[in-house]
Protein backbone atom coordinates (compact mmCIF):
# COMPACT_ATOMS: atom_id res chain seq x y z
CA MET A 1 105.86 101.69 122.25
CA ASP A 2 103.94 98.90 120.59
CA ASP A 3 105.01 98.46 116.93
CA ARG A 4 101.36 97.83 116.06
CA ASN A 5 100.59 101.48 116.91
CA VAL A 6 103.09 102.63 114.28
CA VAL A 7 101.68 100.22 111.68
CA ASP A 8 98.14 101.40 112.51
CA ALA A 9 99.21 105.05 112.07
CA MET A 10 100.73 104.23 108.65
CA HIS A 11 97.58 102.37 107.63
CA ARG A 12 95.33 105.21 108.85
CA LEU A 13 97.32 107.73 106.79
CA GLU A 14 97.03 105.57 103.66
CA LEU A 15 93.26 105.09 104.14
CA ILE A 16 92.66 108.81 104.69
CA ARG A 17 94.80 109.64 101.65
CA ARG A 18 92.85 107.16 99.50
CA MET A 19 89.56 108.66 100.74
CA ARG A 20 90.77 112.17 99.86
CA ILE A 21 91.88 110.97 96.40
CA GLN A 22 88.42 109.46 95.78
CA THR A 23 86.80 112.72 96.81
CA MET A 24 89.08 114.97 94.76
CA LEU A 25 88.61 112.86 91.60
CA ARG A 26 84.85 113.35 91.66
CA GLY A 27 83.80 115.38 88.67
CA THR A 28 86.74 114.24 86.59
CA ASP A 29 86.75 111.31 84.22
CA ALA A 30 89.76 109.84 86.01
CA HIS A 31 89.81 107.04 88.55
CA ARG A 32 92.31 106.52 91.37
CA GLY A 33 94.66 104.12 89.58
CA GLN A 34 94.66 105.89 86.23
CA GLY A 35 97.03 108.75 87.11
CA PRO A 36 100.19 106.71 86.61
CA ILE A 37 98.86 105.39 83.28
CA LEU A 38 98.09 108.90 82.08
CA ASP A 39 101.55 110.02 83.26
CA TYR A 40 103.18 107.20 81.31
CA ILE A 41 101.21 107.88 78.12
CA GLU A 42 101.98 111.60 78.42
CA THR A 43 105.72 110.97 78.67
CA HIS A 44 105.71 108.05 76.18
CA PRO A 45 103.30 109.07 73.40
CA ARG A 46 102.21 106.23 71.10
CA CYS A 47 103.26 103.59 73.63
CA THR A 48 101.61 100.19 73.70
CA GLN A 49 99.50 98.82 76.53
CA ALA A 50 102.17 96.16 77.12
CA GLU A 51 104.88 98.81 77.47
CA ALA A 52 102.77 100.77 79.94
CA ALA A 53 101.88 97.65 81.95
CA GLU A 54 105.51 96.54 82.14
CA SER A 55 106.78 99.96 83.17
CA LEU A 56 104.07 100.47 85.79
CA GLY A 57 104.28 96.94 87.14
CA VAL A 58 100.63 96.11 86.55
CA SER A 59 99.10 93.11 84.86
CA PRO A 60 98.06 93.32 81.20
CA PRO A 61 94.39 92.55 82.05
CA SER A 62 94.42 95.32 84.65
CA ILE A 63 95.74 97.91 82.23
CA THR A 64 93.32 96.72 79.53
CA CYS A 65 90.41 97.49 81.84
CA SER A 66 91.78 100.94 82.71
CA VAL A 67 92.55 101.76 79.06
CA ARG A 68 89.02 100.79 78.05
CA ARG A 69 87.58 103.05 80.76
CA MET A 70 89.82 105.96 79.75
CA GLU A 71 89.02 105.44 76.07
CA ASN A 72 85.27 105.41 76.82
CA ALA A 73 85.71 108.62 78.82
CA GLY A 74 87.49 110.24 75.88
CA LEU A 75 90.81 110.62 77.72
CA ILE A 76 92.87 108.48 75.38
CA VAL A 77 92.65 107.18 71.85
CA LYS A 78 93.97 103.87 70.55
CA THR A 79 95.39 103.81 67.04
CA THR A 80 96.73 100.96 64.95
CA ASP A 81 100.47 101.03 64.34
CA GLU A 82 101.19 101.78 60.67
CA LYS A 83 103.99 99.20 60.51
CA ASP A 84 102.37 96.43 62.55
CA MET A 85 98.60 96.20 62.22
CA ARG A 86 98.45 93.85 65.26
CA CYS A 87 99.84 96.59 67.50
CA THR A 88 97.79 99.44 68.96
CA ARG A 89 99.28 102.68 70.24
CA LEU A 90 97.98 104.89 73.05
CA GLU A 91 97.79 108.67 72.99
CA LEU A 92 96.17 111.28 75.19
CA THR A 93 93.33 113.24 73.66
CA GLU A 94 93.03 116.97 74.28
CA LYS A 95 90.41 116.15 76.92
CA GLY A 96 92.87 113.65 78.42
CA ARG A 97 95.65 116.24 78.57
CA GLU A 98 93.38 118.80 80.24
CA ASN A 99 91.99 116.23 82.66
CA HIS A 100 95.50 115.03 83.45
CA LYS A 101 96.66 118.59 84.22
CA LYS A 102 93.75 119.02 86.66
CA VAL A 103 94.45 115.69 88.35
CA LYS A 104 98.18 116.45 88.68
CA ALA A 105 97.37 119.84 90.20
CA ALA A 106 94.93 118.22 92.63
CA PHE A 107 97.57 115.69 93.73
CA LYS A 108 100.08 118.50 94.19
CA ARG A 109 97.58 120.32 96.45
CA LEU A 110 96.85 117.11 98.38
CA ASP A 111 100.56 116.44 98.91
CA GLY A 112 101.02 120.05 100.01
CA GLU A 113 98.25 119.64 102.59
CA MET A 114 99.64 116.33 103.80
CA PHE A 115 103.13 117.76 104.34
CA GLU A 116 101.97 121.11 105.76
CA GLY A 117 104.14 122.10 108.70
CA ILE A 118 106.64 119.30 108.00
CA SER A 119 110.16 120.51 107.26
CA ASP A 120 112.45 119.21 104.54
CA GLU A 121 114.61 117.67 107.26
CA GLU A 122 111.59 115.82 108.67
CA LYS A 123 110.63 114.63 105.19
CA GLN A 124 114.16 113.31 104.70
CA LYS A 125 113.93 111.56 108.06
CA LEU A 126 110.68 109.92 106.92
CA ILE A 127 112.37 108.77 103.70
CA ASP A 128 115.28 107.38 105.72
CA LEU A 129 112.97 105.58 108.15
CA TYR A 130 110.82 104.07 105.37
CA SER A 131 113.97 102.99 103.52
CA ARG A 132 115.32 101.29 106.65
CA MET A 133 111.99 99.53 107.27
CA ALA A 134 111.92 98.36 103.63
CA ALA A 135 115.47 97.04 103.97
CA ASN A 136 114.50 95.23 107.18
CA LEU A 137 111.74 93.42 105.28
CA TYR A 138 113.51 92.88 101.97
CA LYS A 139 117.21 93.65 102.10
CA GLU A 140 118.08 92.77 98.51
CA GLY A 141 115.02 94.48 97.04
CA ALA A 142 114.55 97.58 99.16
CA GLY A 143 116.25 99.87 96.63
CA LYS A 144 114.54 98.46 93.53
CA PRO A 145 112.34 100.81 91.49
CA LEU A 146 108.66 100.69 92.41
CA SER A 147 107.76 99.22 89.00
CA GLU A 148 110.11 96.28 89.63
CA LEU A 149 108.66 95.70 93.08
CA MET A 150 105.13 95.83 91.67
CA ASN A 151 106.08 93.32 88.96
CA GLU A 152 107.56 91.06 91.62
CA LEU A 153 104.41 91.29 93.73
CA ARG A 154 102.28 90.49 90.67
CA ARG A 155 104.40 87.40 89.97
CA LEU A 156 104.00 86.26 93.58
CA GLU A 157 100.23 86.77 93.38
CA ASP A 158 100.08 84.92 90.04
CA ASP A 159 102.07 82.02 91.54
CA GLU A 160 99.59 81.92 94.41
CA LYS A 161 96.67 81.62 91.96
CA ALA A 162 98.33 78.82 89.96
């Protein structure tokens, strides 16, 4: 079998998944990349934008844009730190918490649809295969957390721009 067919199938799945995410987020105030930010703020109340960016492996300007959008939509509120007036803290609003619950439920349904008819053994086989492919491409980094890999990619892209 031609390896390109496998790569095309992986790409097709990712495109269809992204299309479904766009569709399911209609009618919410959330955008595709904001879920992980909302997750982080939910589990780390009063975090800073820098903390969220570092943990999620995104650039500070990227998170600033998303935070502004979410603040304008009423999903989060920024407050000044009482001890350091230069520092702002992020918190979910009630609307943000409700919206986040809906988005998480929608993703759970989407994942359920995607894995319908696929056994736990088959899912484990997929994990094993993806892990082996990652190790083939990047032996020393294949097991790194996603946030570290995203930070590394961002550094590579920044080096390219410089």
